[in-house]
């Protein structure tokens, strides 16, 4: 038997011919031997990478710089397996991947400023470094951190002139290629992650080179758009109420901004943990919060907190949005009254130390205060994906907008009245 019996084309035919040579010699072949033979037979290729994946599947994908990747079953592959897999995939001229070229579409800024500085243009293809995966981005979530970065509020981290800058942290997409020696991911894996926060994320682009320790396999039960709504809000909520707040079953948590990107995830995580949840939001979001399990909903525009929540009734107070506490000390005072002695106050909005240092109620109750910046955490993303697939956590979308209309997305999120998340559709 030879490769001419099968409908394959180009380098795929060369790959099978190399496998046939090995298989006819000893009946089996390992990944290192396959790579060696491929290089010998396909001299026109500049680089060949062979990866082993589970099941009887042979997967061929384009690589970079004119090279290609071939994924094969684990350890040893027999000639029969090769042919069975090729028949299943049925590669032809039409299905063979074409090279991407060296330019991709992205949203960039060339200076700090307003939304008019968001430009949709071609940029160089990402360069894959050690410990990274090249990902074809299907969708990217829009966060307040994006427009703050655009405005120059991250200048102390990014520098005064880092341009051009590709914004965006929360991506969901497909692995196209991985760096040499990587075994945790293979081409074709569907993944998501919060990339390089608080530095320049580069998520508003068709392709991104992402650190392997910042991605995880996406939830199987939802699409890329809903998945892209998760990373930063879910990681922030997780780290706020579990890592910092140490929320326990049976405790009560009060969430300011409960209907926002972080708040609505924190509410669901708290319910999953077995806690009682009190959520502050506008009246228009009350039904939504009840639907996701919030026990008591307070319209902060009409109901004073102390009229609904008793003194020392709450174990944790979470400030999930900056607008809630901007220019108002009375709100903080009311929240402190609801906290039990030794309670926990967690803020992702801004540092409250200046207000708390002079607050006698805070000192007398021995309240613990936490202000932190979210960090990428692949193991937490794995747990979050499992919760989504189990039905314990849902991602709320407000709208999905094409990448080239990123200005519209920033305009919406800057209002501060978004329920759930805004997501940019990058590729199909």
Protein backbone atom coordinates (compact mmCIF):
# COMPACT_ATOMS: atom_id res chain seq x y z
CA UNK A 1 0.00 0.00 0.00
CA UNK A 2 1.15 3.58 -0.56
CA UNK A 3 -0.13 7.10 -0.09
CA UNK A 4 -1.52 7.31 -3.63
CA UNK A 5 -4.51 5.26 -2.50
CA UNK A 6 -5.73 8.23 -0.43
CA UNK A 7 -7.00 11.71 -1.28
CA UNK A 8 -4.29 13.88 0.21
CA UNK A 9 -2.22 16.73 -1.11
CA UNK A 10 0.97 18.73 -0.88
CA UNK A 11 3.03 18.19 2.26
CA UNK A 12 0.38 15.82 3.68
CA UNK A 13 1.36 13.31 0.99
CA UNK A 14 5.02 13.72 1.92
CA UNK A 15 4.17 13.14 5.59
CA UNK A 16 2.36 9.90 4.83
CA UNK A 17 5.17 8.71 2.57
CA UNK A 18 7.60 9.24 5.44
CA UNK A 19 5.33 7.29 7.78
CA UNK A 20 5.03 4.49 5.25
CA UNK A 21 8.83 4.21 5.04
CA UNK A 22 9.08 3.83 8.82
CA UNK A 23 6.07 1.55 9.20
CA UNK A 24 7.26 -0.82 6.49
CA UNK A 25 10.62 -1.05 8.23
CA UNK A 26 9.52 -1.98 11.76
CA UNK A 27 5.73 -1.68 11.96
CA UNK A 28 5.72 1.29 14.34
CA UNK A 29 7.25 4.74 14.75
CA UNK A 30 7.82 7.24 17.52
CA UNK A 31 7.50 11.03 17.38
CA UNK A 32 11.25 11.66 17.19
CA UNK A 33 11.70 9.18 14.34
CA UNK A 34 8.69 10.65 12.52
CA UNK A 35 10.16 14.16 12.76
CA UNK A 36 13.52 12.92 11.46
CA UNK A 37 11.93 11.15 8.50
CA UNK A 38 9.68 14.09 7.69
CA UNK A 39 12.68 16.39 7.49
CA UNK A 40 14.45 13.90 5.23
CA UNK A 41 11.50 13.52 2.87
CA UNK A 42 10.19 17.08 2.96
CA UNK A 43 13.34 19.06 2.32
CA UNK A 44 11.28 22.05 1.15
CA UNK A 45 9.96 22.55 4.70
CA UNK A 46 11.95 24.87 6.92
CA UNK A 47 10.68 23.35 10.16
CA UNK A 48 8.72 20.28 11.15
CA UNK A 49 7.23 19.68 14.60
CA UNK A 50 5.63 16.39 15.58
CA UNK A 51 3.29 16.21 18.57
CA UNK A 52 1.52 13.24 20.12
CA UNK A 53 -2.16 13.46 20.96
CA UNK A 54 -4.70 10.99 22.32
CA UNK A 55 -6.95 8.72 20.22
CA UNK A 56 -6.44 7.40 16.71
CA UNK A 57 -6.30 10.79 15.09
CA UNK A 58 -3.78 12.34 12.75
CA UNK A 59 -4.00 16.13 12.71
CA UNK A 60 -2.06 18.33 10.32
CA UNK A 61 -1.89 22.07 10.88
CA UNK A 62 0.09 24.92 9.44
CA UNK A 63 3.08 26.01 11.42
CA UNK A 64 5.02 29.26 11.24
CA UNK A 65 7.75 30.49 8.90
CA UNK A 66 6.68 28.04 6.22
CA UNK A 67 6.80 25.03 8.54
CA UNK A 68 4.04 22.65 9.57
CA UNK A 69 2.93 20.61 12.55
CA UNK A 70 1.81 17.00 12.55
CA UNK A 71 -0.05 15.62 15.57
CA UNK A 72 -0.18 11.84 15.97
CA UNK A 73 -1.44 9.25 18.48
CA UNK A 74 0.68 8.59 21.59
CA UNK A 75 3.95 6.65 21.80
CA UNK A 76 3.77 4.44 18.70
CA UNK A 77 1.60 4.52 15.62
CA UNK A 78 1.15 1.55 13.34
CA UNK A 79 0.70 1.72 9.58
CA UNK A 80 -2.93 0.61 9.96
CA UNK A 81 -3.61 3.47 12.37
CA UNK A 82 -2.09 5.96 9.96
CA UNK A 83 -4.35 4.90 7.13
CA UNK A 84 -7.45 4.67 9.33
CA UNK A 85 -6.85 8.16 10.66
CA UNK A 86 -6.23 9.62 7.20
CA UNK A 87 -9.45 8.08 5.93
CA UNK A 88 -11.30 9.71 8.85
CA UNK A 89 -9.81 13.14 8.25
CA UNK A 90 -10.03 12.79 4.44
CA UNK A 91 -7.62 15.62 3.69
CA UNK A 92 -7.82 17.16 0.23
CA UNK A 93 -6.61 20.24 -1.61
CA UNK A 94 -9.66 22.10 -0.31
CA UNK A 95 -9.07 21.21 3.34
CA UNK A 96 -5.31 21.75 3.40
CA UNK A 97 -4.55 24.88 5.44
CA UNK A 98 -3.08 27.80 3.55
CA UNK A 99 -0.20 29.78 5.08
CA UNK A 100 -1.38 32.80 7.13
CA UNK A 101 1.23 35.15 5.80
CA UNK A 102 2.96 37.60 8.11
CA UNK A 103 0.19 40.17 8.77
CA UNK A 104 -2.95 39.91 10.91
CA UNK A 105 -5.83 42.28 11.75
CA UNK A 106 -5.89 43.99 15.13
CA UNK A 107 -7.08 47.04 17.06
CA UNK A 108 -4.18 49.28 18.07
CA UNK A 109 -3.59 52.65 19.68
CA UNK A 110 -0.69 54.90 18.65
CA UNK A 111 -1.20 57.39 21.47
CA UNK A 112 -3.10 57.62 24.74
CA UNK A 113 -6.49 59.29 24.57
CA UNK A 114 -10.15 58.90 23.64
CA UNK A 115 -11.93 56.24 21.58
CA UNK A 116 -10.92 57.85 18.29
CA UNK A 117 -7.42 56.51 18.94
CA UNK A 118 -8.62 52.92 18.46
CA UNK A 119 -7.47 51.93 14.96
CA UNK A 120 -8.35 48.72 13.06
CA UNK A 121 -5.31 47.81 10.96
CA UNK A 122 -2.84 45.13 9.93
CA UNK A 123 -0.03 44.27 12.35
CA UNK A 124 2.91 41.84 12.24
CA UNK A 125 2.18 38.18 12.93
CA UNK A 126 2.90 37.36 16.62
CA UNK A 127 6.29 35.83 17.34
CA UNK A 128 6.11 32.60 19.34
CA UNK A 129 8.58 32.39 22.24
CA UNK A 130 9.48 29.58 24.63
CA UNK A 131 6.65 28.69 27.00
CA UNK A 132 3.95 30.11 24.75
CA UNK A 133 1.09 28.97 22.53
CA UNK A 134 0.00 30.66 19.33
CA UNK A 135 -3.77 31.11 19.53
CA UNK A 136 -6.26 32.04 16.84
CA UNK A 137 -8.55 34.39 18.75
CA UNK A 138 -12.27 33.88 18.20
CA UNK A 139 -13.50 36.41 20.77
CA UNK A 140 -12.07 38.86 23.30
CA UNK A 141 -13.80 40.34 26.34
CA UNK A 142 -13.81 44.10 26.91
CA UNK A 143 -12.89 45.22 30.43
CA UNK A 144 -12.66 48.59 32.19
CA UNK A 145 -8.90 47.95 32.26
CA UNK A 146 -8.93 48.26 28.46
CA UNK A 147 -10.28 51.79 28.29
CA UNK A 148 -8.19 52.86 31.28
CA UNK A 149 -5.12 51.61 29.45
CA UNK A 150 -6.20 53.48 26.33
CA UNK A 151 -6.64 56.66 28.37
CA UNK A 152 -3.10 56.37 29.77
CA UNK A 153 -4.04 55.33 33.31
CA UNK A 154 -1.66 52.35 33.05
CA UNK A 155 1.21 54.60 31.98
CA UNK A 156 3.17 53.83 35.14
CA UNK A 157 3.26 50.15 34.08
CA UNK A 158 3.25 50.41 30.29
CA UNK A 159 5.58 53.39 30.07
CA UNK A 160 5.08 56.86 28.56
CA UNK A 161 5.42 55.75 24.93
CA UNK A 162 5.01 51.96 24.36
CA UNK A 163 3.24 52.40 21.03
CA UNK A 164 1.80 50.89 19.01
CA UNK A 165 -0.22 48.99 21.62
CA UNK A 166 -2.73 46.17 21.06
CA UNK A 167 -5.23 46.24 23.91
CA UNK A 168 -7.21 43.33 25.38
CA UNK A 169 -6.70 40.66 28.04
CA UNK A 170 -9.58 38.16 27.98
CA UNK A 171 -9.33 35.82 25.01
CA UNK A 172 -11.01 32.63 23.84
CA UNK A 173 -9.73 30.75 20.83
CA UNK A 174 -7.96 27.78 19.31
CA UNK A 175 -4.35 26.72 19.73
CA UNK A 176 -2.57 26.83 16.37
CA UNK A 177 0.98 26.08 17.49
CA UNK A 178 2.92 25.55 20.70
CA UNK A 179 6.55 26.16 21.57
CA UNK A 180 9.04 23.31 21.44
CA UNK A 181 8.79 20.76 24.23
CA UNK A 182 5.23 21.66 25.22
CA UNK A 183 3.03 18.74 26.27
CA UNK A 184 0.17 20.50 28.09
CA UNK A 185 -1.53 21.76 24.91
CA UNK A 186 -1.67 20.68 21.27
CA UNK A 187 -2.93 22.35 18.11
CA UNK A 188 -6.71 22.25 18.03
CA UNK A 189 -7.21 22.73 21.77
CA UNK A 190 -9.93 25.27 22.57
CA UNK A 191 -8.59 27.55 25.28
CA UNK A 192 -9.22 30.76 27.19
CA UNK A 193 -7.28 33.04 29.49
CA UNK A 194 -6.42 36.46 30.88
CA UNK A 195 -3.20 37.36 29.12
CA UNK A 196 -0.33 39.42 30.58
CA UNK A 197 -2.42 41.58 32.92
CA UNK A 198 -1.63 44.31 33.99
CA UNK A 199 0.87 44.69 31.17
CA UNK A 200 0.04 45.00 27.46
CA UNK A 201 -2.32 42.11 26.70
CA UNK A 202 -2.50 42.10 22.87
CA UNK A 203 -5.87 40.33 22.81
CA UNK A 204 -7.63 42.60 20.27
CA UNK A 205 -6.08 40.67 17.37
CA UNK A 206 -6.69 37.65 15.14
CA UNK A 207 -3.70 35.82 16.66
CA UNK A 208 -1.91 36.08 19.99
CA UNK A 209 1.18 34.44 21.47
CA UNK A 210 0.03 33.60 25.00
CA UNK A 211 2.02 32.25 27.98
CA UNK A 212 1.13 28.62 28.62
CA UNK A 213 0.71 29.24 32.36
CA UNK A 214 -2.04 31.78 31.69
CA UNK A 215 -4.40 29.63 29.60
CA UNK A 216 -6.67 26.65 30.22
CA UNK A 217 -9.10 24.63 28.15
CA UNK A 218 -12.33 26.54 27.75
CA UNK A 219 -15.68 25.32 29.09
CA UNK A 220 -17.11 22.75 26.67
CA UNK A 221 -20.72 23.81 27.19
CA UNK A 222 -20.50 27.42 25.96
CA UNK A 223 -19.26 29.19 22.82
CA UNK A 224 -16.20 31.39 22.44
CA UNK A 225 -18.19 34.62 22.89
CA UNK A 226 -19.52 33.61 26.30
CA UNK A 227 -16.13 32.17 27.26
CA UNK A 228 -14.36 35.45 26.46
CA UNK A 229 -16.64 37.14 29.00
CA UNK A 230 -15.17 35.05 31.82
CA UNK A 231 -11.41 35.29 32.49
CA UNK A 232 -10.82 38.62 34.24
CA UNK A 233 -14.23 38.87 35.97
CA UNK A 234 -14.19 35.24 37.10
CA UNK A 235 -10.57 35.28 38.29
CA UNK A 236 -11.16 38.59 40.08
CA UNK A 237 -14.30 37.29 41.78
CA UNK A 238 -12.61 34.02 42.74
CA UNK A 239 -9.55 35.69 44.22
CA UNK A 240 -11.62 38.37 45.96
CA UNK A 241 -14.06 36.15 47.83
CA UNK A 242 -12.05 32.93 48.22
CA UNK A 243 -8.35 33.90 48.31
CA UNK A 244 -8.76 37.23 50.13
CA UNK A 245 -12.19 37.06 51.73
CA UNK A 246 -11.96 33.38 52.70
CA UNK A 247 -15.74 33.01 52.25
CA UNK A 248 -17.18 29.95 53.99
CA UNK A 249 -20.41 28.00 53.69
CA UNK A 250 -23.21 29.62 55.70
CA UNK A 251 -21.65 33.10 55.74
CA UNK A 252 -23.24 36.27 54.32
CA UNK A 253 -21.63 38.44 51.66
CA UNK A 254 -22.73 41.93 50.60
CA UNK A 255 -21.76 42.82 47.01
CA UNK A 256 -21.67 46.39 45.70
CA UNK A 257 -22.11 46.37 41.93
CA UNK A 258 -23.65 42.91 41.96
CA UNK A 259 -24.89 43.06 38.35
CA UNK A 260 -21.54 44.04 36.83
CA UNK A 261 -18.93 41.83 35.21
CA UNK A 262 -17.22 40.87 38.47
CA UNK A 263 -20.23 41.25 40.74
CA UNK A 264 -22.56 38.80 38.98
CA UNK A 265 -19.81 36.15 38.88
CA UNK A 266 -18.97 36.71 42.57
CA UNK A 267 -22.65 36.27 43.43
CA UNK A 268 -22.81 32.90 41.64
CA UNK A 269 -19.54 31.68 43.16
CA UNK A 270 -20.79 32.64 46.62
CA UNK A 271 -24.05 30.73 46.09
CA UNK A 272 -22.08 27.70 44.87
CA UNK A 273 -20.06 27.90 48.08
CA UNK A 274 -23.27 27.88 50.13
CA UNK A 275 -23.25 31.51 51.25
CA UNK A 276 -26.11 33.99 51.55
CA UNK A 277 -25.80 36.83 49.02
CA UNK A 278 -27.01 40.42 49.33
CA UNK A 279 -26.58 42.40 46.12
CA UNK A 280 -26.68 46.14 45.47
CA UNK A 281 -27.68 47.21 41.96
CA UNK A 282 -30.15 49.40 40.10
CA UNK A 283 -33.81 48.40 39.94
CA UNK A 284 -33.56 47.38 36.28
CA UNK A 285 -31.14 44.60 37.20
CA UNK A 286 -33.10 43.23 40.15
CA UNK A 287 -34.79 40.38 38.24
CA UNK A 288 -31.49 39.34 36.69
CA UNK A 289 -29.84 39.11 40.11
CA UNK A 290 -32.69 37.08 41.55
CA UNK A 291 -32.46 34.77 38.54
CA UNK A 292 -28.79 33.98 39.28
CA UNK A 293 -29.55 33.28 42.93
CA UNK A 294 -29.02 36.52 44.85
CA UNK A 295 -31.05 36.22 48.06
CA UNK A 296 -31.66 39.91 48.76
CA UNK A 297 -31.52 42.65 46.12
CA UNK A 298 -31.16 46.28 47.19
CA UNK A 299 -31.85 49.18 44.84
CA UNK A 300 -29.01 51.46 45.91
CA UNK A 301 -30.74 54.42 44.24
CA UNK A 302 -33.84 54.18 46.43
CA UNK A 303 -33.10 52.03 49.48
CA UNK A 304 -30.62 53.03 52.19
CA UNK A 305 -28.41 50.06 53.05
CA UNK A 306 -29.11 50.32 56.78
CA UNK A 307 -32.87 50.10 56.12
CA UNK A 308 -32.46 46.59 54.69
CA UNK A 309 -29.37 45.10 56.29
CA UNK A 310 -28.94 44.88 60.05
CA UNK A 311 -25.83 45.96 61.92
CA UNK A 312 -23.23 43.21 62.13
CA UNK A 313 -25.22 40.93 59.83
CA UNK A 314 -22.54 40.53 57.13
CA UNK A 315 -19.27 38.56 57.09
CA UNK A 316 -17.79 40.02 53.90
CA UNK A 317 -18.35 43.25 51.96
CA UNK A 318 -17.13 43.24 48.35
CA UNK A 319 -16.75 46.48 46.41
CA UNK A 320 -16.90 45.28 42.80
CA UNK A 321 -17.11 48.59 40.91
CA UNK A 322 -15.39 51.95 41.40
CA UNK A 323 -18.46 54.09 40.76
CA UNK A 324 -20.12 52.78 43.92
CA UNK A 325 -17.60 54.35 46.27
CA UNK A 326 -16.50 57.35 44.27
CA UNK A 327 -16.75 60.54 46.36
CA UNK A 328 -18.93 59.00 49.06
CA UNK A 329 -17.79 58.18 52.57
CA UNK A 330 -21.37 57.61 53.77
CA UNK A 331 -21.57 54.46 51.65
CA UNK A 332 -18.42 53.10 53.24
CA UNK A 333 -19.69 53.94 56.72
CA UNK A 334 -22.96 52.08 56.09
CA UNK A 335 -21.07 49.04 54.82
CA UNK A 336 -18.82 49.00 57.88
CA UNK A 337 -21.88 49.02 60.14
CA UNK A 338 -23.22 45.88 58.47
CA UNK A 339 -19.96 43.98 59.02
CA UNK A 340 -19.53 41.67 61.98
CA UNK A 341 -16.62 42.11 64.35
CA UNK A 342 -13.56 40.69 62.58
CA UNK A 343 -15.38 40.83 59.22
CA UNK A 344 -13.63 41.22 55.88
CA UNK A 345 -13.78 44.19 53.50
CA UNK A 346 -12.51 43.44 49.97
CA UNK A 347 -12.13 46.11 47.30
CA UNK A 348 -11.20 45.62 43.67
CA UNK A 349 -12.18 49.21 42.90
CA UNK A 350 -9.57 51.26 44.67
CA UNK A 351 -7.47 51.28 47.80
CA UNK A 352 -9.57 52.29 50.83
CA UNK A 353 -6.70 52.55 53.30
CA UNK A 354 -6.82 56.36 53.47
CA UNK A 355 -10.48 56.35 54.48
CA UNK A 356 -10.15 53.42 56.83
CA UNK A 357 -7.11 54.67 58.76
CA UNK A 358 -9.18 57.39 60.44
CA UNK A 359 -12.38 55.37 60.78
CA UNK A 360 -13.10 54.44 64.41
CA UNK A 361 -15.77 51.91 63.45
CA UNK A 362 -13.25 50.06 61.31
CA UNK A 363 -10.70 50.02 64.10
CA UNK A 364 -13.09 49.11 66.90
CA UNK A 365 -14.53 46.15 64.99
CA UNK A 366 -11.08 44.86 64.02
CA UNK A 367 -12.20 44.55 60.41
CA UNK A 368 -9.74 43.12 57.90
CA UNK A 369 -9.32 45.13 54.70
CA UNK A 370 -8.01 43.83 51.37
CA UNK A 371 -7.24 45.67 48.15
CA UNK A 372 -5.63 43.67 45.36
CA UNK A 373 -5.00 43.37 41.65
CA UNK A 374 -6.15 40.18 39.92
CA UNK A 375 -3.48 37.75 38.70
CA UNK A 376 -3.58 35.16 35.92
CA UNK A 377 -4.07 31.67 37.32
CA UNK A 378 -4.49 28.68 35.01
CA UNK A 379 -5.51 26.25 37.77
CA UNK A 380 -8.34 28.58 38.82
CA UNK A 381 -9.44 28.84 35.18
CA UNK A 382 -9.69 25.03 35.11
CA UNK A 383 -11.99 25.08 38.16
CA UNK A 384 -14.04 27.93 36.70
CA UNK A 385 -14.53 25.99 33.45
CA UNK A 386 -15.73 22.98 35.45
CA UNK A 387 -18.27 25.15 37.29
CA UNK A 388 -19.57 26.49 33.97
CA UNK A 389 -19.93 22.99 32.54
CA UNK A 390 -21.73 21.83 35.71
CA UNK A 391 -24.25 24.67 35.42
CA UNK A 392 -23.16 26.40 38.64
CA UNK A 393 -21.80 29.44 36.80
CA UNK A 394 -23.08 31.31 33.77
CA UNK A 395 -21.44 34.09 31.78
CA UNK A 396 -23.73 37.06 31.15
CA UNK A 397 -23.31 38.91 27.85
CA UNK A 398 -24.74 42.33 27.16
CA UNK A 399 -23.72 42.38 23.51
CA UNK A 400 -21.24 41.02 20.96
CA UNK A 401 -19.61 43.56 18.63
CA UNK A 402 -17.27 42.99 15.64
CA UNK A 403 -13.60 43.69 16.39
CA UNK A 404 -13.47 46.53 13.89
CA UNK A 405 -16.18 48.33 15.91
CA UNK A 406 -14.16 48.38 19.14
CA UNK A 407 -14.86 52.09 19.52
CA UNK A 408 -18.53 51.30 20.07
CA UNK A 409 -17.62 48.73 22.73
CA UNK A 410 -15.43 51.21 24.62
CA UNK A 411 -18.15 53.84 24.41
CA UNK A 412 -20.62 51.44 26.02
CA UNK A 413 -18.36 50.19 28.79
CA UNK A 414 -17.28 53.70 29.76
CA UNK A 415 -20.86 54.50 30.79
CA UNK A 416 -20.38 52.21 33.82
CA UNK A 417 -23.90 50.80 33.45
CA UNK A 418 -23.15 47.51 31.71
CA UNK A 419 -24.88 44.33 32.88
CA UNK A 420 -22.55 41.41 32.33
CA UNK A 421 -19.92 41.77 29.61
CA UNK A 422 -19.28 43.27 26.21
CA UNK A 423 -17.37 40.95 23.87
CA UNK A 424 -15.62 41.60 20.56
CA UNK A 425 -16.03 38.98 17.83
CA UNK A 426 -12.59 38.53 16.24
CA UNK A 427 -12.76 35.49 13.95
CA UNK A 428 -15.48 32.94 13.21
